[in-house]
Amino acid sequence: MAIAEWTERELLDRIEAGGLREAVLFYTAMCGTCKVAERMLEIVEAAGVPIEICKLNINYAPVLREHWRVSSVPCLVLLEDGEPVRMEYAMVSVDHLYRILQ
């Protein structure tokens, strides 16, 4: 199962709607580590975490990149009510990601 890709506008619209608890993976297309992180998140998603996971190409998300100060990729941003509550840059293991997305 592939992680859904959103545009910055789609994510901003969802944030404005409120009540949001999601995880957003910032990535770039040519980043090998990002591909590994995405595969790990696909496994976590298949295991049934209670949070929606999406991905967003950082090159096409200047507003969120600056506002949230995303400094490198991959970066997993956990959102609650549209605000980042955790930013994970080290995708240590599938188990680690599973625990933080519970």
PDB file of N, CA and C in Angstrom:
ATOM      1  N   MET A   1       0.844  -1.188   0.000  1.00  0.00           N
ATOM      2  CA  MET A   1       0.000   0.000   0.000  1.00  0.00           C
ATOM      3  C   MET A   1       0.888   1.251   0.000  1.00  0.00           C
ATOM      4  N   ALA A   2       0.655   2.130  -0.925  1.00  0.00           N
ATOM      5  CA  ALA A   2       1.482   3.336  -1.050  1.00  0.00           C
ATOM      6  C   ALA A   2       0.974   4.451  -0.138  1.00  0.00           C
ATOM      7  N   ILE A   3       1.897   5.227   0.342  1.00  0.00           N
ATOM      8  CA  ILE A   3       1.556   6.402   1.143  1.00  0.00           C
ATOM      9  C   ILE A   3       0.968   7.449   0.198  1.00  0.00           C
ATOM     10  N   ALA A   4      -0.157   8.040   0.576  1.00  0.00           N
ATOM     11  CA  ALA A   4      -0.814   9.054  -0.255  1.00  0.00           C
ATOM     12  C   ALA A   4       0.050  10.313  -0.340  1.00  0.00           C
ATOM     13  N   GLU A   5       0.164  10.843  -1.554  1.00  0.00           N
ATOM     14  CA  GLU A   5       0.918  12.093  -1.739  1.00  0.00           C
ATOM     15  C   GLU A   5      -0.069  13.248  -1.842  1.00  0.00           C
ATOM     16  N   TRP A   6       0.206  14.298  -1.077  1.00  0.00           N
ATOM     17  CA  TRP A   6      -0.643  15.483  -1.088  1.00  0.00           C
ATOM     18  C   TRP A   6       0.162  16.671  -1.589  1.00  0.00           C
ATOM     19  N   THR A   7      -0.566  17.675  -2.044  1.00  0.00           N
ATOM     20  CA  THR A   7       0.063  18.949  -2.366  1.00  0.00           C
ATOM     21  C   THR A   7       0.065  19.799  -1.103  1.00  0.00           C
ATOM     22  N   GLU A   8       0.870  20.824  -1.118  1.00  0.00           N
ATOM     23  CA  GLU A   8       0.898  21.735   0.019  1.00  0.00           C
ATOM     24  C   GLU A   8      -0.480  22.357   0.221  1.00  0.00           C
ATOM     25  N   ARG A   9      -1.156  22.732  -0.860  1.00  0.00           N
ATOM     26  CA  ARG A   9      -2.485  23.335  -0.758  1.00  0.00           C
ATOM     27  C   ARG A   9      -3.485  22.386  -0.106  1.00  0.00           C
ATOM     28  N   GLU A  10      -3.448  21.106  -0.503  1.00  0.00           N
ATOM     29  CA  GLU A  10      -4.354  20.113   0.094  1.00  0.00           C
ATOM     30  C   GLU A  10      -4.120  19.990   1.599  1.00  0.00           C
ATOM     31  N   LEU A  11      -2.866  19.947   2.009  1.00  0.00           N
ATOM     32  CA  LEU A  11      -2.572  19.837   3.430  1.00  0.00           C
ATOM     33  C   LEU A  11      -2.977  21.104   4.174  1.00  0.00           C
ATOM     34  N   LEU A  12      -2.696  22.265   3.609  1.00  0.00           N
ATOM     35  CA  LEU A  12      -3.111  23.525   4.248  1.00  0.00           C
ATOM     36  C   LEU A  12      -4.625  23.581   4.408  1.00  0.00           C
ATOM     37  N   ASP A  13      -5.364  23.120   3.411  1.00  0.00           N
ATOM     38  CA  ASP A  13      -6.833  23.090   3.508  1.00  0.00           C
ATOM     39  C   ASP A  13      -7.287  22.169   4.629  1.00  0.00           C
ATOM     40  N   ARG A  14      -6.659  21.015   4.760  1.00  0.00           N
ATOM     41  CA  ARG A  14      -7.011  20.083   5.837  1.00  0.00           C
ATOM     42  C   ARG A  14      -6.695  20.669   7.202  1.00  0.00           C
ATOM     43  N   ILE A  15      -5.566  21.367   7.299  1.00  0.00           N
ATOM     44  CA  ILE A  15      -5.189  22.005   8.562  1.00  0.00           C
ATOM     45  C   ILE A  15      -6.204  23.069   8.938  1.00  0.00           C
ATOM     46  N   GLU A  16      -6.613  23.877   7.965  1.00  0.00           N
ATOM     47  CA  GLU A  16      -7.604  24.939   8.216  1.00  0.00           C
ATOM     48  C   GLU A  16      -8.946  24.368   8.651  1.00  0.00           C
ATOM     49  N   ALA A  17      -9.279  23.163   8.191  1.00  0.00           N
ATOM     50  CA  ALA A  17     -10.543  22.525   8.574  1.00  0.00           C
ATOM     51  C   ALA A  17     -10.532  22.121  10.050  1.00  0.00           C
ATOM     52  N   GLY A  18      -9.330  21.912  10.625  1.00  0.00           N
ATOM     53  CA  GLY A  18      -9.207  21.639  12.053  1.00  0.00           C
ATOM     54  C   GLY A  18      -9.395  20.187  12.433  1.00  0.00           C
ATOM     55  N   GLY A  19      -9.110  19.902  13.725  1.00  0.00           N
ATOM     56  CA  GLY A  19      -9.269  18.575  14.280  1.00  0.00           C
ATOM     57  C   GLY A  19      -8.370  17.526  13.674  1.00  0.00           C
ATOM     58  N   LEU A  20      -7.210  17.927  13.211  1.00  0.00           N
ATOM     59  CA  LEU A  20      -6.334  17.074  12.430  1.00  0.00           C
ATOM     60  C   LEU A  20      -5.314  16.358  13.313  1.00  0.00           C
ATOM     61  N   ARG A  21      -5.226  15.051  13.165  1.00  0.00           N
ATOM     62  CA  ARG A  21      -4.135  14.262  13.758  1.00  0.00           C
ATOM     63  C   ARG A  21      -3.585  13.389  12.649  1.00  0.00           C
ATOM     64  N   GLU A  22      -2.437  13.782  12.123  1.00  0.00           N
ATOM     65  CA  GLU A  22      -1.848  13.105  10.974  1.00  0.00           C
ATOM     66  C   GLU A  22      -0.334  13.116  11.073  1.00  0.00           C
ATOM     67  N   ALA A  23       0.272  12.344  10.188  1.00  0.00           N
ATOM     68  CA  ALA A  23       1.724  12.323  10.061  1.00  0.00           C
ATOM     69  C   ALA A  23       2.063  12.666   8.616  1.00  0.00           C
ATOM     70  N   VAL A  24       3.004  13.584   8.443  1.00  0.00           N
ATOM     71  CA  VAL A  24       3.402  14.035   7.113  1.00  0.00           C
ATOM     72  C   VAL A  24       4.888  13.749   6.927  1.00  0.00           C
ATOM     73  N   LEU A  25       5.200  12.986   5.875  1.00  0.00           N
ATOM     74  CA  LEU A  25       6.595  12.711   5.542  1.00  0.00           C
ATOM     75  C   LEU A  25       7.048  13.704   4.487  1.00  0.00           C
ATOM     76  N   PHE A  26       7.985  14.571   4.849  1.00  0.00           N
ATOM     77  CA  PHE A  26       8.608  15.460   3.878  1.00  0.00           C
ATOM     78  C   PHE A  26       9.750  14.688   3.230  1.00  0.00           C
ATOM     79  N   TYR A  27       9.819  14.742   1.899  1.00  0.00           N
ATOM     80  CA  TYR A  27      10.814  13.978   1.159  1.00  0.00           C
ATOM     81  C   TYR A  27      11.215  14.749  -0.097  1.00  0.00           C
ATOM     82  N   THR A  28      12.242  14.226  -0.785  1.00  0.00           N
ATOM     83  CA  THR A  28      12.552  14.664  -2.143  1.00  0.00           C
ATOM     84  C   THR A  28      12.649  13.415  -3.013  1.00  0.00           C
ATOM     85  N   ALA A  29      12.411  13.585  -4.287  1.00  0.00           N
ATOM     86  CA  ALA A  29      12.320  12.452  -5.211  1.00  0.00           C
ATOM     87  C   ALA A  29      13.627  11.663  -5.340  1.00  0.00           C
ATOM     88  N   MET A  30      14.758  12.314  -5.279  1.00  0.00           N
ATOM     89  CA  MET A  30      16.040  11.647  -5.515  1.00  0.00           C
ATOM     90  C   MET A  30      16.741  11.195  -4.230  1.00  0.00           C
ATOM     91  N   CYS A  31      16.057  11.248  -3.105  1.00  0.00           N
ATOM     92  CA  CYS A  31      16.652  10.921  -1.806  1.00  0.00           C
ATOM     93  C   CYS A  31      16.449   9.438  -1.489  1.00  0.00           C
ATOM     94  N   GLY A  32      17.542   8.691  -1.443  1.00  0.00           N
ATOM     95  CA  GLY A  32      17.464   7.268  -1.134  1.00  0.00           C
ATOM     96  C   GLY A  32      16.982   7.000   0.280  1.00  0.00           C
ATOM     97  N   THR A  33      17.440   7.789   1.232  1.00  0.00           N
ATOM     98  CA  THR A  33      17.005   7.633   2.617  1.00  0.00           C
ATOM     99  C   THR A  33      15.506   7.897   2.741  1.00  0.00           C
ATOM    100  N   CYS A  34      14.990   8.822   1.938  1.00  0.00           N
ATOM    101  CA  CYS A  34      13.552   9.114   1.932  1.00  0.00           C
ATOM    102  C   CYS A  34      12.759   7.907   1.442  1.00  0.00           C
ATOM    103  N   LYS A  35      13.294   7.214   0.452  1.00  0.00           N
ATOM    104  CA  LYS A  35      12.620   6.018  -0.069  1.00  0.00           C
ATOM    105  C   LYS A  35      12.554   4.923   0.993  1.00  0.00           C
ATOM    106  N   VAL A  36      13.634   4.773   1.752  1.00  0.00           N
ATOM    107  CA  VAL A  36      13.655   3.801   2.843  1.00  0.00           C
ATOM    108  C   VAL A  36      12.633   4.200   3.912  1.00  0.00           C
ATOM    109  N   ALA A  37      12.602   5.483   4.274  1.00  0.00           N
ATOM    110  CA  ALA A  37      11.647   5.970   5.276  1.00  0.00           C
ATOM    111  C   ALA A  37      10.213   5.729   4.811  1.00  0.00           C
ATOM    112  N   GLU A  38       9.947   5.982   3.535  1.00  0.00           N
ATOM    113  CA  GLU A  38       8.605   5.765   3.001  1.00  0.00           C
ATOM    114  C   GLU A  38       8.222   4.293   3.081  1.00  0.00           C
ATOM    115  N   ARG A  39       9.151   3.404   2.744  1.00  0.00           N
ATOM    116  CA  ARG A  39       8.858   1.969   2.815  1.00  0.00           C
ATOM    117  C   ARG A  39       8.581   1.548   4.252  1.00  0.00           C
ATOM    118  N   MET A  40       9.345   2.073   5.195  1.00  0.00           N
ATOM    119  CA  MET A  40       9.113   1.773   6.608  1.00  0.00           C
ATOM    120  C   MET A  40       7.725   2.242   7.037  1.00  0.00           C
ATOM    121  N   LEU A  41       7.323   3.426   6.586  1.00  0.00           N
ATOM    122  CA  LEU A  41       6.000   3.947   6.930  1.00  0.00           C
ATOM    123  C   LEU A  41       4.880   3.148   6.271  1.00  0.00           C
ATOM    124  N   GLU A  42       5.134   2.597   5.089  1.00  0.00           N
ATOM    125  CA  GLU A  42       4.138   1.728   4.451  1.00  0.00           C
ATOM    126  C   GLU A  42       3.899   0.484   5.303  1.00  0.00           C
ATOM    127  N   ILE A  43       4.962  -0.060   5.870  1.00  0.00           N
ATOM    128  CA  ILE A  43       4.840  -1.224   6.750  1.00  0.00           C
ATOM    129  C   ILE A  43       4.076  -0.844   8.014  1.00  0.00           C
ATOM    130  N   VAL A  44       4.405   0.302   8.591  1.00  0.00           N
ATOM    131  CA  VAL A  44       3.706   0.786   9.789  1.00  0.00           C
ATOM    132  C   VAL A  44       2.223   1.001   9.495  1.00  0.00           C
ATOM    133  N   GLU A  45       1.925   1.602   8.351  1.00  0.00           N
ATOM    134  CA  GLU A  45       0.536   1.846   7.970  1.00  0.00           C
ATOM    135  C   GLU A  45      -0.223   0.526   7.801  1.00  0.00           C
ATOM    136  N   ALA A  46       0.426  -0.469   7.192  1.00  0.00           N
ATOM    137  CA  ALA A  46      -0.197  -1.780   7.004  1.00  0.00           C
ATOM    138  C   ALA A  46      -0.447  -2.482   8.339  1.00  0.00           C
ATOM    139  N   ALA A  47       0.346  -2.142   9.350  1.00  0.00           N
ATOM    140  CA  ALA A  47       0.167  -2.732  10.689  1.00  0.00           C
ATOM    141  C   ALA A  47      -1.029  -2.135  11.413  1.00  0.00           C
ATOM    142  N   GLY A  48      -1.575  -1.051  10.886  1.00  0.00           N
ATOM    143  CA  GLY A  48      -2.808  -0.501  11.437  1.00  0.00           C
ATOM    144  C   GLY A  48      -2.660   0.561  12.505  1.00  0.00           C
ATOM    145  N   VAL A  49      -1.853   1.557  12.268  1.00  0.00           N
ATOM    146  CA  VAL A  49      -1.773   2.669  13.220  1.00  0.00           C
ATOM    147  C   VAL A  49      -3.010   3.561  13.079  1.00  0.00           C
ATOM    148  N   PRO A  50      -3.431   4.201  14.171  1.00  0.00           N
ATOM    149  CA  PRO A  50      -4.662   5.004  14.153  1.00  0.00           C
ATOM    150  C   PRO A  50      -4.461   6.443  13.680  1.00  0.00           C
ATOM    151  N   ILE A  51      -3.545   6.646  12.758  1.00  0.00           N
ATOM    152  CA  ILE A  51      -3.246   8.000  12.290  1.00  0.00           C
ATOM    153  C   ILE A  51      -3.032   7.929  10.780  1.00  0.00           C
ATOM    154  N   GLU A  52      -3.513   8.932  10.073  1.00  0.00           N
ATOM    155  CA  GLU A  52      -3.310   8.962   8.630  1.00  0.00           C
ATOM    156  C   GLU A  52      -1.905   9.448   8.327  1.00  0.00           C
ATOM    157  N   ILE A  53      -1.262   8.794   7.361  1.00  0.00           N
ATOM    158  CA  ILE A  53       0.100   9.152   6.955  1.00  0.00           C
ATOM    159  C   ILE A  53       0.053   9.618   5.510  1.00  0.00           C
ATOM    160  N   CYS A  54       0.687  10.751   5.243  1.00  0.00           N
ATOM    161  CA  CYS A  54       0.794  11.223   3.865  1.00  0.00           C
ATOM    162  C   CYS A  54       2.225  11.672   3.617  1.00  0.00           C
ATOM    163  N   LYS A  55       2.543  11.943   2.354  1.00  0.00           N
ATOM    164  CA  LYS A  55       3.872  12.450   2.027  1.00  0.00           C
ATOM    165  C   LYS A  55       3.727  13.726   1.218  1.00  0.00           C
ATOM    166  N   LEU A  56       4.760  14.558   1.322  1.00  0.00           N
ATOM    167  CA  LEU A  56       4.751  15.866   0.686  1.00  0.00           C
ATOM    168  C   LEU A  56       6.169  16.171   0.218  1.00  0.00           C
ATOM    169  N   ASN A  57       6.327  16.458  -1.078  1.00  0.00           N
ATOM    170  CA  ASN A  57       7.640  16.798  -1.624  1.00  0.00           C
ATOM    171  C   ASN A  57       8.036  18.178  -1.100  1.00  0.00           C
ATOM    172  N   ILE A  58       9.121  18.222  -0.359  1.00  0.00           N
ATOM    173  CA  ILE A  58       9.544  19.473   0.281  1.00  0.00           C
ATOM    174  C   ILE A  58       9.843  20.581  -0.738  1.00  0.00           C
ATOM    175  N   ASN A  59      10.209  20.200  -1.961  1.00  0.00           N
ATOM    176  CA  ASN A  59      10.501  21.196  -2.991  1.00  0.00           C
ATOM    177  C   ASN A  59       9.258  21.962  -3.432  1.00  0.00           C
ATOM    178  N   TYR A  60       8.091  21.386  -3.195  1.00  0.00           N
ATOM    179  CA  TYR A  60       6.836  22.015  -3.592  1.00  0.00           C
ATOM    180  C   TYR A  60       6.012  22.455  -2.390  1.00  0.00           C
ATOM    181  N   ALA A  61       6.676  22.618  -1.246  1.00  0.00           N
ATOM    182  CA  ALA A  61       5.981  23.017  -0.024  1.00  0.00           C
ATOM    183  C   ALA A  61       6.726  24.138   0.699  1.00  0.00           C
ATOM    184  N   PRO A  62       6.947  25.273   0.012  1.00  0.00           N
ATOM    185  CA  PRO A  62       7.752  26.330   0.631  1.00  0.00           C
ATOM    186  C   PRO A  62       7.119  26.947   1.875  1.00  0.00           C
ATOM    187  N   VAL A  63       5.808  27.054   1.896  1.00  0.00           N
ATOM    188  CA  VAL A  63       5.135  27.684   3.042  1.00  0.00           C
ATOM    189  C   VAL A  63       5.311  26.838   4.299  1.00  0.00           C
ATOM    190  N   LEU A  64       4.974  25.553   4.204  1.00  0.00           N
ATOM    191  CA  LEU A  64       5.095  24.675   5.374  1.00  0.00           C
ATOM    192  C   LEU A  64       6.553  24.442   5.749  1.00  0.00           C
ATOM    193  N   ARG A  65       7.421  24.309   4.756  1.00  0.00           N
ATOM    194  CA  ARG A  65       8.852  24.113   5.017  1.00  0.00           C
ATOM    195  C   ARG A  65       9.394  25.254   5.881  1.00  0.00           C
ATOM    196  N   GLU A  66       9.044  26.476   5.529  1.00  0.00           N
ATOM    197  CA  GLU A  66       9.521  27.642   6.284  1.00  0.00           C
ATOM    198  C   GLU A  66       8.803  27.775   7.631  1.00  0.00           C
ATOM    199  N   HIS A  67       7.496  27.633   7.620  1.00  0.00           N
ATOM    200  CA  HIS A  67       6.700  27.812   8.842  1.00  0.00           C
ATOM    201  C   HIS A  67       7.070  26.792   9.916  1.00  0.00           C
ATOM    202  N   TRP A  68       7.282  25.543   9.509  1.00  0.00           N
ATOM    203  CA  TRP A  68       7.627  24.494  10.464  1.00  0.00           C
ATOM    204  C   TRP A  68       9.122  24.311  10.619  1.00  0.00           C
ATOM    205  N   ARG A  69       9.912  25.054   9.848  1.00  0.00           N
ATOM    206  CA  ARG A  69      11.376  24.990   9.908  1.00  0.00           C
ATOM    207  C   ARG A  69      11.911  23.573   9.691  1.00  0.00           C
ATOM    208  N   VAL A  70      11.437  22.936   8.648  1.00  0.00           N
ATOM    209  CA  VAL A  70      11.927  21.606   8.285  1.00  0.00           C
ATOM    210  C   VAL A  70      13.333  21.786   7.731  1.00  0.00           C
ATOM    211  N   SER A  71      14.307  21.189   8.395  1.00  0.00           N
ATOM    212  CA  SER A  71      15.702  21.465   8.043  1.00  0.00           C
ATOM    213  C   SER A  71      16.329  20.448   7.098  1.00  0.00           C
ATOM    214  N   SER A  72      15.770  19.238   7.022  1.00  0.00           N
ATOM    215  CA  SER A  72      16.313  18.240   6.102  1.00  0.00           C
ATOM    216  C   SER A  72      15.265  17.158   5.861  1.00  0.00           C
ATOM    217  N   VAL A  73      15.566  16.303   4.890  1.00  0.00           N
ATOM    218  CA  VAL A  73      14.672  15.187   4.593  1.00  0.00           C
ATOM    219  C   VAL A  73      15.448  13.881   4.746  1.00  0.00           C
ATOM    220  N   PRO A  74      14.768  12.803   5.092  1.00  0.00           N
ATOM    221  CA  PRO A  74      13.347  12.732   5.388  1.00  0.00           C
ATOM    222  C   PRO A  74      13.028  13.361   6.739  1.00  0.00           C
ATOM    223  N   CYS A  75      11.815  13.875   6.840  1.00  0.00           N
ATOM    224  CA  CYS A  75      11.333  14.447   8.095  1.00  0.00           C
ATOM    225  C   CYS A  75       9.876  14.043   8.262  1.00  0.00           C
ATOM    226  N   LEU A  76       9.586  13.351   9.343  1.00  0.00           N
ATOM    227  CA  LEU A  76       8.220  12.962   9.658  1.00  0.00           C
ATOM    228  C   LEU A  76       7.676  13.946  10.685  1.00  0.00           C
ATOM    229  N   VAL A  77       6.630  14.675  10.292  1.00  0.00           N
ATOM    230  CA  VAL A  77       6.024  15.675  11.170  1.00  0.00           C
ATOM    231  C   VAL A  77       4.699  15.122  11.688  1.00  0.00           C
ATOM    232  N   LEU A  78       4.569  15.038  12.995  1.00  0.00           N
ATOM    233  CA  LEU A  78       3.323  14.602  13.606  1.00  0.00           C
ATOM    234  C   LEU A  78       2.485  15.831  13.935  1.00  0.00           C
ATOM    235  N   LEU A  79       1.254  15.823  13.454  1.00  0.00           N
ATOM    236  CA  LEU A  79       0.360  16.965  13.637  1.00  0.00           C
ATOM    237  C   LEU A  79      -0.786  16.612  14.577  1.00  0.00           C
ATOM    238  N   GLU A  80      -1.100  17.537  15.456  1.00  0.00           N
ATOM    239  CA  GLU A  80      -2.305  17.451  16.274  1.00  0.00           C
ATOM    240  C   GLU A  80      -2.974  18.809  16.193  1.00  0.00           C
ATOM    241  N   ASP A  81      -4.229  18.798  15.789  1.00  0.00           N
ATOM    242  CA  ASP A  81      -4.984  20.035  15.569  1.00  0.00           C
ATOM    243  C   ASP A  81      -4.245  20.976  14.631  1.00  0.00           C
ATOM    244  N   GLY A  82      -3.577  20.398  13.633  1.00  0.00           N
ATOM    245  CA  GLY A  82      -2.913  21.193  12.610  1.00  0.00           C
ATOM    246  C   GLY A  82      -1.569  21.766  12.996  1.00  0.00           C
ATOM    247  N   GLU A  83      -1.094  21.457  14.196  1.00  0.00           N
ATOM    248  CA  GLU A  83       0.192  21.988  14.658  1.00  0.00           C
ATOM    249  C   GLU A  83       1.190  20.851  14.840  1.00  0.00           C
ATOM    250  N   PRO A  84       2.434  21.076  14.454  1.00  0.00           N
ATOM    251  CA  PRO A  84       3.450  20.038  14.657  1.00  0.00           C
ATOM    252  C   PRO A  84       3.718  19.832  16.146  1.00  0.00           C
ATOM    253  N   VAL A  85       3.650  18.586  16.584  1.00  0.00           N
ATOM    254  CA  VAL A  85       3.954  18.258  17.973  1.00  0.00           C
ATOM    255  C   VAL A  85       5.247  17.454  18.090  1.00  0.00           C
ATOM    256  N   ARG A  86       5.696  16.917  16.958  1.00  0.00           N
ATOM    257  CA  ARG A  86       6.956  16.163  16.946  1.00  0.00           C
ATOM    258  C   ARG A  86       7.496  16.143  15.524  1.00  0.00           C
ATOM    259  N   MET A  87       8.814  16.290  15.422  1.00  0.00           N
ATOM    260  CA  MET A  87       9.485  16.203  14.127  1.00  0.00           C
ATOM    261  C   MET A  87      10.578  15.151  14.262  1.00  0.00           C
ATOM    262  N   GLU A  88      10.461  14.110  13.466  1.00  0.00           N
ATOM    263  CA  GLU A  88      11.373  12.979  13.536  1.00  0.00           C
ATOM    264  C   GLU A  88      12.237  12.969  12.274  1.00  0.00           C
ATOM    265  N   TYR A  89      13.533  13.130  12.447  1.00  0.00           N
ATOM    266  CA  TYR A  89      14.453  13.129  11.310  1.00  0.00           C
ATOM    267  C   TYR A  89      15.151  11.778  11.143  1.00  0.00           C
ATOM    268  N   ALA A  90      15.293  11.037  12.216  1.00  0.00           N
ATOM    269  CA  ALA A  90      15.961   9.736  12.174  1.00  0.00           C
ATOM    270  C   ALA A  90      14.903   8.635  12.178  1.00  0.00           C
ATOM    271  N   MET A  91      14.757   7.963  11.045  1.00  0.00           N
ATOM    272  CA  MET A  91      13.807   6.856  10.945  1.00  0.00           C
ATOM    273  C   MET A  91      14.537   5.606  11.415  1.00  0.00           C
ATOM    274  N   VAL A  92      14.590   5.424  12.716  1.00  0.00           N
ATOM    275  CA  VAL A  92      15.428   4.413  13.357  1.00  0.00           C
ATOM    276  C   VAL A  92      15.030   2.992  12.960  1.00  0.00           C
ATOM    277  N   SER A  93      13.746   2.690  13.074  1.00  0.00           N
ATOM    278  CA  SER A  93      13.265   1.340  12.759  1.00  0.00           C
ATOM    279  C   SER A  93      11.759   1.384  12.549  1.00  0.00           C
ATOM    280  N   VAL A  94      11.222   0.322  11.987  1.00  0.00           N
ATOM    281  CA  VAL A  94       9.776   0.213  11.818  1.00  0.00           C
ATOM    282  C   VAL A  94       9.108   0.236  13.186  1.00  0.00           C
ATOM    283  N   ASP A  95       9.684  -0.488  14.141  1.00  0.00           N
ATOM    284  CA  ASP A  95       9.140  -0.533  15.495  1.00  0.00           C
ATOM    285  C   ASP A  95       9.088   0.862  16.131  1.00  0.00           C
ATOM    286  N   HIS A  96      10.164   1.616  15.971  1.00  0.00           N
ATOM    287  CA  HIS A  96      10.232   2.975  16.515  1.00  0.00           C
ATOM    288  C   HIS A  96       9.124   3.859  15.900  1.00  0.00           C
ATOM    289  N   LEU A  97       8.989   3.799  14.586  1.00  0.00           N
ATOM    290  CA  LEU A  97       7.949   4.585  13.921  1.00  0.00           C
ATOM    291  C   LEU A  97       6.556   4.139  14.353  1.00  0.00           C
ATOM    292  N   TYR A  98       6.360   2.843  14.491  1.00  0.00           N
ATOM    293  CA  TYR A  98       5.067   2.325  14.933  1.00  0.00           C
ATOM    294  C   TYR A  98       4.703   2.897  16.308  1.00  0.00           C
ATOM    295  N   ARG A  99       5.681   2.881  17.233  1.00  0.00           N
ATOM    296  CA  ARG A  99       5.418   3.389  18.589  1.00  0.00           C
ATOM    297  C   ARG A  99       5.085   4.878  18.604  1.00  0.00           C
ATOM    298  N   ILE A 100       5.778   5.690  17.817  1.00  0.00           N
ATOM    299  CA  ILE A 100       5.498   7.129  17.866  1.00  0.00           C
ATOM    300  C   ILE A 100       4.200   7.492  17.157  1.00  0.00           C
ATOM    301  N   LEU A 101       3.697   6.598  16.289  1.00  0.00           N
ATOM    302  CA  LEU A 101       2.437   6.877  15.592  1.00  0.00           C
ATOM    303  C   LEU A 101       1.218   6.292  16.301  1.00  0.00           C
ATOM    304  N   GLN A 102       1.418   5.666  17.436  1.00  0.00           N
ATOM    305  CA  GLN A 102       0.296   5.129  18.212  1.00  0.00           C
ATOM    306  C   GLN A 102      -0.441   6.227  18.939  1.00  0.00           C
TER     307      GLN A 102
END
